[in-house]
Amino acid sequence: MIDAERFAEVYWALCPHLRWKTQFYAEAPTVPPPPPDDGFFWCAFTQTCLGPDGALVEPESCASAHRACYGTGRVR
């Protein structure tokens, strides 16, 4: 998947523990936040690009309550 496709979606249900560099910029807040264009995401629990369940951390995969660690940091 190319970056344009990865960031074309608006993800309203992002896991609250998903982090990305541009969320720390001092800009006027928007809901939802504009997607970053650098592709670097990390999990607040693991502090890496992999979530507690071992899967890649990015908006597409962190926007579903069906993910085992969604919202809790614990693998169900």
PDB file of N, CA and C in Angstrom:
ATOM      1  N   MET A   1       0.845  -1.173   0.000  1.00  0.00           N
ATOM      2  CA  MET A   1       0.000   0.000   0.000  1.00  0.00           C
ATOM      3  C   MET A   1       0.895   1.241   0.000  1.00  0.00           C
ATOM      4  N   ILE A   2       0.562   2.179  -0.850  1.00  0.00           N
ATOM      5  CA  ILE A   2       1.359   3.406  -0.912  1.00  0.00           C
ATOM      6  C   ILE A   2       0.887   4.380   0.172  1.00  0.00           C
ATOM      7  N   ASP A   3       1.744   5.334   0.515  1.00  0.00           N
ATOM      8  CA  ASP A   3       1.417   6.266   1.591  1.00  0.00           C
ATOM      9  C   ASP A   3       0.126   7.026   1.339  1.00  0.00           C
ATOM     10  N   ALA A   4      -0.121   7.415   0.110  1.00  0.00           N
ATOM     11  CA  ALA A   4      -1.348   8.159  -0.195  1.00  0.00           C
ATOM     12  C   ALA A   4      -2.584   7.356   0.201  1.00  0.00           C
ATOM     13  N   GLU A   5      -2.547   6.040   0.002  1.00  0.00           N
ATOM     14  CA  GLU A   5      -3.670   5.194   0.391  1.00  0.00           C
ATOM     15  C   GLU A   5      -3.733   5.024   1.902  1.00  0.00           C
ATOM     16  N   ARG A   6      -2.577   4.876   2.537  1.00  0.00           N
ATOM     17  CA  ARG A   6      -2.542   4.683   3.990  1.00  0.00           C
ATOM     18  C   ARG A   6      -3.143   5.864   4.726  1.00  0.00           C
ATOM     19  N   PHE A   7      -2.945   7.078   4.198  1.00  0.00           N
ATOM     20  CA  PHE A   7      -3.375   8.272   4.902  1.00  0.00           C
ATOM     21  C   PHE A   7      -4.634   8.894   4.317  1.00  0.00           C
ATOM     22  N   ALA A   8      -5.274   8.231   3.358  1.00  0.00           N
ATOM     23  CA  ALA A   8      -6.461   8.778   2.716  1.00  0.00           C
ATOM     24  C   ALA A   8      -7.699   8.653   3.605  1.00  0.00           C
ATOM     25  N   GLU A   9      -7.701   7.695   4.503  1.00  0.00           N
ATOM     26  CA  GLU A   9      -8.852   7.451   5.358  1.00  0.00           C
ATOM     27  C   GLU A   9      -8.841   8.371   6.573  1.00  0.00           C
ATOM     28  N   VAL A  10     -10.019   8.651   7.080  1.00  0.00           N
ATOM     29  CA  VAL A  10     -10.152   9.360   8.352  1.00  0.00           C
ATOM     30  C   VAL A  10     -10.556   8.310   9.374  1.00  0.00           C
ATOM     31  N   TYR A  11      -9.745   8.164  10.386  1.00  0.00           N
ATOM     32  CA  TYR A  11      -9.994   7.147  11.401  1.00  0.00           C
ATOM     33  C   TYR A  11     -10.525   7.817  12.666  1.00  0.00           C
ATOM     34  N   TRP A  12     -11.810   7.684  12.922  1.00  0.00           N
ATOM     35  CA  TRP A  12     -12.440   8.337  14.061  1.00  0.00           C
ATOM     36  C   TRP A  12     -12.205   7.581  15.355  1.00  0.00           C
ATOM     37  N   ALA A  13     -11.944   6.306  15.284  1.00  0.00           N
ATOM     38  CA  ALA A  13     -11.830   5.483  16.490  1.00  0.00           C
ATOM     39  C   ALA A  13     -10.389   5.068  16.759  1.00  0.00           C
ATOM     40  N   LEU A  14      -9.448   5.974  16.555  1.00  0.00           N
ATOM     41  CA  LEU A  14      -8.048   5.629  16.797  1.00  0.00           C
ATOM     42  C   LEU A  14      -7.836   5.238  18.248  1.00  0.00           C
ATOM     43  N   CYS A  15      -6.993   4.262  18.456  1.00  0.00           N
ATOM     44  CA  CYS A  15      -6.616   3.879  19.809  1.00  0.00           C
ATOM     45  C   CYS A  15      -5.995   5.104  20.486  1.00  0.00           C
ATOM     46  N   PRO A  16      -6.375   5.399  21.709  1.00  0.00           N
ATOM     47  CA  PRO A  16      -5.827   6.580  22.377  1.00  0.00           C
ATOM     48  C   PRO A  16      -4.334   6.476  22.681  1.00  0.00           C
ATOM     49  N   HIS A  17      -3.759   5.311  22.463  1.00  0.00           N
ATOM     50  CA  HIS A  17      -2.340   5.112  22.761  1.00  0.00           C
ATOM     51  C   HIS A  17      -1.464   5.156  21.513  1.00  0.00           C
ATOM     52  N   LEU A  18      -2.082   5.410  20.355  1.00  0.00           N
ATOM     53  CA  LEU A  18      -1.328   5.593  19.120  1.00  0.00           C
ATOM     54  C   LEU A  18      -0.661   6.960  19.160  1.00  0.00           C
ATOM     55  N   ARG A  19       0.607   7.007  18.838  1.00  0.00           N
ATOM     56  CA  ARG A  19       1.354   8.264  18.857  1.00  0.00           C
ATOM     57  C   ARG A  19       2.021   8.489  17.512  1.00  0.00           C
ATOM     58  N   TRP A  20       2.180   9.768  17.143  1.00  0.00           N
ATOM     59  CA  TRP A  20       2.902  10.137  15.938  1.00  0.00           C
ATOM     60  C   TRP A  20       3.514  11.512  16.160  1.00  0.00           C
ATOM     61  N   LYS A  21       4.560  11.761  15.434  1.00  0.00           N
ATOM     62  CA  LYS A  21       5.365  12.959  15.650  1.00  0.00           C
ATOM     63  C   LYS A  21       4.567  14.258  15.551  1.00  0.00           C
ATOM     64  N   THR A  22       3.739  14.403  14.544  1.00  0.00           N
ATOM     65  CA  THR A  22       3.072  15.686  14.329  1.00  0.00           C
ATOM     66  C   THR A  22       2.006  15.992  15.369  1.00  0.00           C
ATOM     67  N   GLN A  23       1.603  15.028  16.183  1.00  0.00           N
ATOM     68  CA  GLN A  23       0.615  15.335  17.208  1.00  0.00           C
ATOM     69  C   GLN A  23       1.200  16.239  18.296  1.00  0.00           C
ATOM     70  N   PHE A  24       2.509  16.389  18.326  1.00  0.00           N
ATOM     71  CA  PHE A  24       3.151  17.227  19.329  1.00  0.00           C
ATOM     72  C   PHE A  24       3.486  18.622  18.808  1.00  0.00           C
ATOM     73  N   TYR A  25       3.094  18.915  17.574  1.00  0.00           N
ATOM     74  CA  TYR A  25       3.333  20.243  17.019  1.00  0.00           C
ATOM     75  C   TYR A  25       2.321  21.225  17.600  1.00  0.00           C
ATOM     76  N   ALA A  26       2.724  22.462  17.748  1.00  0.00           N
ATOM     77  CA  ALA A  26       1.830  23.489  18.283  1.00  0.00           C
ATOM     78  C   ALA A  26       0.994  24.077  17.149  1.00  0.00           C
ATOM     79  N   GLU A  27      -0.122  23.442  16.866  1.00  0.00           N
ATOM     80  CA  GLU A  27      -1.051  23.911  15.844  1.00  0.00           C
ATOM     81  C   GLU A  27      -2.440  23.966  16.451  1.00  0.00           C
ATOM     82  N   ALA A  28      -3.323  24.640  15.792  1.00  0.00           N
ATOM     83  CA  ALA A  28      -4.705  24.660  16.254  1.00  0.00           C
ATOM     84  C   ALA A  28      -5.260  23.239  16.213  1.00  0.00           C
ATOM     85  N   PRO A  29      -5.936  22.802  17.261  1.00  0.00           N
ATOM     86  CA  PRO A  29      -6.460  21.437  17.279  1.00  0.00           C
ATOM     87  C   PRO A  29      -7.559  21.233  16.239  1.00  0.00           C
ATOM     88  N   THR A  30      -7.576  20.056  15.660  1.00  0.00           N
ATOM     89  CA  THR A  30      -8.628  19.672  14.726  1.00  0.00           C
ATOM     90  C   THR A  30      -9.124  18.295  15.123  1.00  0.00           C
ATOM     91  N   VAL A  31     -10.364  18.008  14.803  1.00  0.00           N
ATOM     92  CA  VAL A  31     -10.926  16.694  15.103  1.00  0.00           C
ATOM     93  C   VAL A  31     -11.459  16.124  13.817  1.00  0.00           C
ATOM     94  N   PRO A  32     -10.996  14.989  13.368  1.00  0.00           N
ATOM     95  CA  PRO A  32      -9.840  14.272  13.891  1.00  0.00           C
ATOM     96  C   PRO A  32      -8.553  14.990  13.498  1.00  0.00           C
ATOM     97  N   PRO A  33      -7.450  14.631  14.124  1.00  0.00           N
ATOM     98  CA  PRO A  33      -6.190  15.283  13.769  1.00  0.00           C
ATOM     99  C   PRO A  33      -5.797  14.946  12.339  1.00  0.00           C
ATOM    100  N   PRO A  34      -5.142  15.857  11.655  1.00  0.00           N
ATOM    101  CA  PRO A  34      -4.721  15.548  10.288  1.00  0.00           C
ATOM    102  C   PRO A  34      -3.718  14.404  10.306  1.00  0.00           C
ATOM    103  N   PRO A  35      -3.801  13.507   9.343  1.00  0.00           N
ATOM    104  CA  PRO A  35      -2.870  12.376   9.345  1.00  0.00           C
ATOM    105  C   PRO A  35      -1.445  12.840   9.083  1.00  0.00           C
ATOM    106  N   PRO A  36      -0.493  12.242   9.760  1.00  0.00           N
ATOM    107  CA  PRO A  36       0.902  12.589   9.498  1.00  0.00           C
ATOM    108  C   PRO A  36       1.300  12.075   8.128  1.00  0.00           C
ATOM    109  N   ASP A  37       2.290  12.681   7.536  1.00  0.00           N
ATOM    110  CA  ASP A  37       2.711  12.237   6.218  1.00  0.00           C
ATOM    111  C   ASP A  37       4.078  11.574   6.236  1.00  0.00           C
ATOM    112  N   ASP A  38       4.623  11.321   7.427  1.00  0.00           N
ATOM    113  CA  ASP A  38       5.950  10.709   7.474  1.00  0.00           C
ATOM    114  C   ASP A  38       5.906   9.204   7.720  1.00  0.00           C
ATOM    115  N   GLY A  39       4.779   8.674   8.162  1.00  0.00           N
ATOM    116  CA  GLY A  39       4.646   7.236   8.343  1.00  0.00           C
ATOM    117  C   GLY A  39       5.263   6.685   9.606  1.00  0.00           C
ATOM    118  N   PHE A  40       5.660   7.546  10.546  1.00  0.00           N
ATOM    119  CA  PHE A  40       6.268   7.060  11.777  1.00  0.00           C
ATOM    120  C   PHE A  40       5.260   7.106  12.915  1.00  0.00           C
ATOM    121  N   PHE A  41       4.884   5.935  13.395  1.00  0.00           N
ATOM    122  CA  PHE A  41       3.923   5.806  14.483  1.00  0.00           C
ATOM    123  C   PHE A  41       4.535   4.934  15.564  1.00  0.00           C
ATOM    124  N   TRP A  42       4.055   5.103  16.798  1.00  0.00           N
ATOM    125  CA  TRP A  42       4.483   4.197  17.862  1.00  0.00           C
ATOM    126  C   TRP A  42       3.357   4.061  18.870  1.00  0.00           C
ATOM    127  N   CYS A  43       3.474   3.041  19.685  1.00  0.00           N
ATOM    128  CA  CYS A  43       2.492   2.749  20.720  1.00  0.00           C
ATOM    129  C   CYS A  43       3.003   3.317  22.040  1.00  0.00           C
ATOM    130  N   ALA A  44       2.135   3.976  22.791  1.00  0.00           N
ATOM    131  CA  ALA A  44       2.534   4.544  24.078  1.00  0.00           C
ATOM    132  C   ALA A  44       2.907   3.454  25.079  1.00  0.00           C
ATOM    133  N   PHE A  45       2.385   2.249  24.906  1.00  0.00           N
ATOM    134  CA  PHE A  45       2.707   1.161  25.831  1.00  0.00           C
ATOM    135  C   PHE A  45       4.063   0.543  25.541  1.00  0.00           C
ATOM    136  N   THR A  46       4.322   0.244  24.266  1.00  0.00           N
ATOM    137  CA  THR A  46       5.572  -0.443  23.924  1.00  0.00           C
ATOM    138  C   THR A  46       6.693   0.517  23.572  1.00  0.00           C
ATOM    139  N   GLN A  47       6.339   1.754  23.221  1.00  0.00           N
ATOM    140  CA  GLN A  47       7.311   2.763  22.788  1.00  0.00           C
ATOM    141  C   GLN A  47       8.067   2.323  21.536  1.00  0.00           C
ATOM    142  N   THR A  48       7.441   1.462  20.728  1.00  0.00           N
ATOM    143  CA  THR A  48       8.025   1.001  19.470  1.00  0.00           C
ATOM    144  C   THR A  48       6.949   1.033  18.389  1.00  0.00           C
ATOM    145  N   CYS A  49       7.335   0.617  17.189  1.00  0.00           N
ATOM    146  CA  CYS A  49       6.394   0.576  16.066  1.00  0.00           C
ATOM    147  C   CYS A  49       5.522  -0.677  16.097  1.00  0.00           C
ATOM    148  N   LEU A  50       5.707  -1.520  17.103  1.00  0.00           N
ATOM    149  CA  LEU A  50       4.873  -2.708  17.278  1.00  0.00           C
ATOM    150  C   LEU A  50       4.034  -2.549  18.534  1.00  0.00           C
ATOM    151  N   GLY A  51       2.779  -2.940  18.445  1.00  0.00           N
ATOM    152  CA  GLY A  51       1.903  -2.859  19.606  1.00  0.00           C
ATOM    153  C   GLY A  51       2.121  -4.029  20.547  1.00  0.00           C
ATOM    154  N   PRO A  52       1.417  -4.051  21.674  1.00  0.00           N
ATOM    155  CA  PRO A  52       1.540  -5.143  22.635  1.00  0.00           C
ATOM    156  C   PRO A  52       1.204  -6.510  22.038  1.00  0.00           C
ATOM    157  N   ASP A  53       0.415  -6.513  20.972  1.00  0.00           N
ATOM    158  CA  ASP A  53       0.056  -7.769  20.315  1.00  0.00           C
ATOM    159  C   ASP A  53       1.064  -8.193  19.254  1.00  0.00           C
ATOM    160  N   GLY A  54       2.121  -7.412  19.065  1.00  0.00           N
ATOM    161  CA  GLY A  54       3.164  -7.753  18.100  1.00  0.00           C
ATOM    162  C   GLY A  54       2.895  -7.281  16.686  1.00  0.00           C
ATOM    163  N   ALA A  55       1.747  -6.641  16.455  1.00  0.00           N
ATOM    164  CA  ALA A  55       1.388  -6.161  15.116  1.00  0.00           C
ATOM    165  C   ALA A  55       1.863  -4.720  14.923  1.00  0.00           C
ATOM    166  N   LEU A  56       2.006  -4.334  13.659  1.00  0.00           N
ATOM    167  CA  LEU A  56       2.459  -2.997  13.293  1.00  0.00           C
ATOM    168  C   LEU A  56       1.491  -1.929  13.796  1.00  0.00           C
ATOM    169  N   VAL A  57       2.033  -0.823  14.266  1.00  0.00           N
ATOM    170  CA  VAL A  57       1.252   0.298  14.776  1.00  0.00           C
ATOM    171  C   VAL A  57       1.111   1.343  13.673  1.00  0.00           C
ATOM    172  N   GLU A  58      -0.120   1.585  13.226  1.00  0.00           N
ATOM    173  CA  GLU A  58      -0.436   2.630  12.261  1.00  0.00           C
ATOM    174  C   GLU A  58      -1.944   2.834  12.286  1.00  0.00           C
ATOM    175  N   PRO A  59      -2.431   3.964  11.797  1.00  0.00           N
ATOM    176  CA  PRO A  59      -3.859   4.262  11.919  1.00  0.00           C
ATOM    177  C   PRO A  59      -4.782   3.161  11.403  1.00  0.00           C
ATOM    178  N   GLU A  60      -4.447   2.579  10.279  1.00  0.00           N
ATOM    179  CA  GLU A  60      -5.314   1.546   9.706  1.00  0.00           C
ATOM    180  C   GLU A  60      -5.528   0.384  10.666  1.00  0.00           C
ATOM    181  N   SER A  61      -4.481  -0.044  11.349  1.00  0.00           N
ATOM    182  CA  SER A  61      -4.609  -1.203  12.228  1.00  0.00           C
ATOM    183  C   SER A  61      -4.949  -0.833  13.666  1.00  0.00           C
ATOM    184  N   CYS A  62      -4.831   0.432  14.028  1.00  0.00           N
ATOM    185  CA  CYS A  62      -5.107   0.865  15.405  1.00  0.00           C
ATOM    186  C   CYS A  62      -6.437   1.601  15.517  1.00  0.00           C
ATOM    187  N   ALA A  63      -7.324   1.385  14.576  1.00  0.00           N
ATOM    188  CA  ALA A  63      -8.621   2.062  14.586  1.00  0.00           C
ATOM    189  C   ALA A  63      -9.762   1.070  14.732  1.00  0.00           C
ATOM    190  N   SER A  64      -9.479  -0.069  15.308  1.00  0.00           N
ATOM    191  CA  SER A  64     -10.504  -1.091  15.428  1.00  0.00           C
ATOM    192  C   SER A  64     -10.493  -1.708  16.817  1.00  0.00           C
ATOM    193  N   ALA A  65     -11.653  -1.747  17.433  1.00  0.00           N
ATOM    194  CA  ALA A  65     -11.772  -2.390  18.739  1.00  0.00           C
ATOM    195  C   ALA A  65     -11.565  -3.894  18.627  1.00  0.00           C
ATOM    196  N   HIS A  66     -11.464  -4.407  17.399  1.00  0.00           N
ATOM    197  CA  HIS A  66     -11.220  -5.834  17.206  1.00  0.00           C
ATOM    198  C   HIS A  66      -9.754  -6.190  17.408  1.00  0.00           C
ATOM    199  N   ARG A  67      -8.882  -5.190  17.448  1.00  0.00           N
ATOM    200  CA  ARG A  67      -7.465  -5.465  17.704  1.00  0.00           C
ATOM    201  C   ARG A  67      -7.317  -5.872  19.169  1.00  0.00           C
ATOM    202  N   ALA A  68      -6.535  -6.895  19.425  1.00  0.00           N
ATOM    203  CA  ALA A  68      -6.441  -7.498  20.756  1.00  0.00           C
ATOM    204  C   ALA A  68      -6.025  -6.528  21.853  1.00  0.00           C
ATOM    205  N   CYS A  69      -5.237  -5.524  21.542  1.00  0.00           N
ATOM    206  CA  CYS A  69      -4.725  -4.607  22.569  1.00  0.00           C
ATOM    207  C   CYS A  69      -5.397  -3.243  22.533  1.00  0.00           C
ATOM    208  N   TYR A  70      -6.399  -3.060  21.704  1.00  0.00           N
ATOM    209  CA  TYR A  70      -7.030  -1.754  21.487  1.00  0.00           C
ATOM    210  C   TYR A  70      -7.461  -1.095  22.799  1.00  0.00           C
ATOM    211  N   GLY A  71      -6.911   0.075  23.056  1.00  0.00           N
ATOM    212  CA  GLY A  71      -7.334   0.890  24.181  1.00  0.00           C
ATOM    213  C   GLY A  71      -6.859   0.477  25.558  1.00  0.00           C
ATOM    214  N   THR A  72      -6.327  -0.721  25.696  1.00  0.00           N
ATOM    215  CA  THR A  72      -5.950  -1.200  27.027  1.00  0.00           C
ATOM    216  C   THR A  72      -4.461  -1.455  27.178  1.00  0.00           C
ATOM    217  N   GLY A  73      -3.793  -1.768  26.089  1.00  0.00           N
ATOM    218  CA  GLY A  73      -2.386  -2.145  26.166  1.00  0.00           C
ATOM    219  C   GLY A  73      -2.202  -3.589  26.574  1.00  0.00           C
ATOM    220  N   ARG A  74      -3.307  -4.280  26.816  1.00  0.00           N
ATOM    221  CA  ARG A  74      -3.248  -5.697  27.185  1.00  0.00           C
ATOM    222  C   ARG A  74      -3.794  -6.532  26.039  1.00  0.00           C
ATOM    223  N   VAL A  75      -3.152  -7.645  25.800  1.00  0.00           N
ATOM    224  CA  VAL A  75      -3.617  -8.544  24.744  1.00  0.00           C
ATOM    225  C   VAL A  75      -4.710  -9.422  25.332  1.00  0.00           C
ATOM    226  N   ARG A  76      -5.886  -9.354  24.702  1.00  0.00           N
ATOM    227  CA  ARG A  76      -7.031 -10.149  25.196  1.00  0.00           C
ATOM    228  C   ARG A  76      -6.964 -11.557  24.708  1.00  0.00           C
TER     229      ARG A  76
END
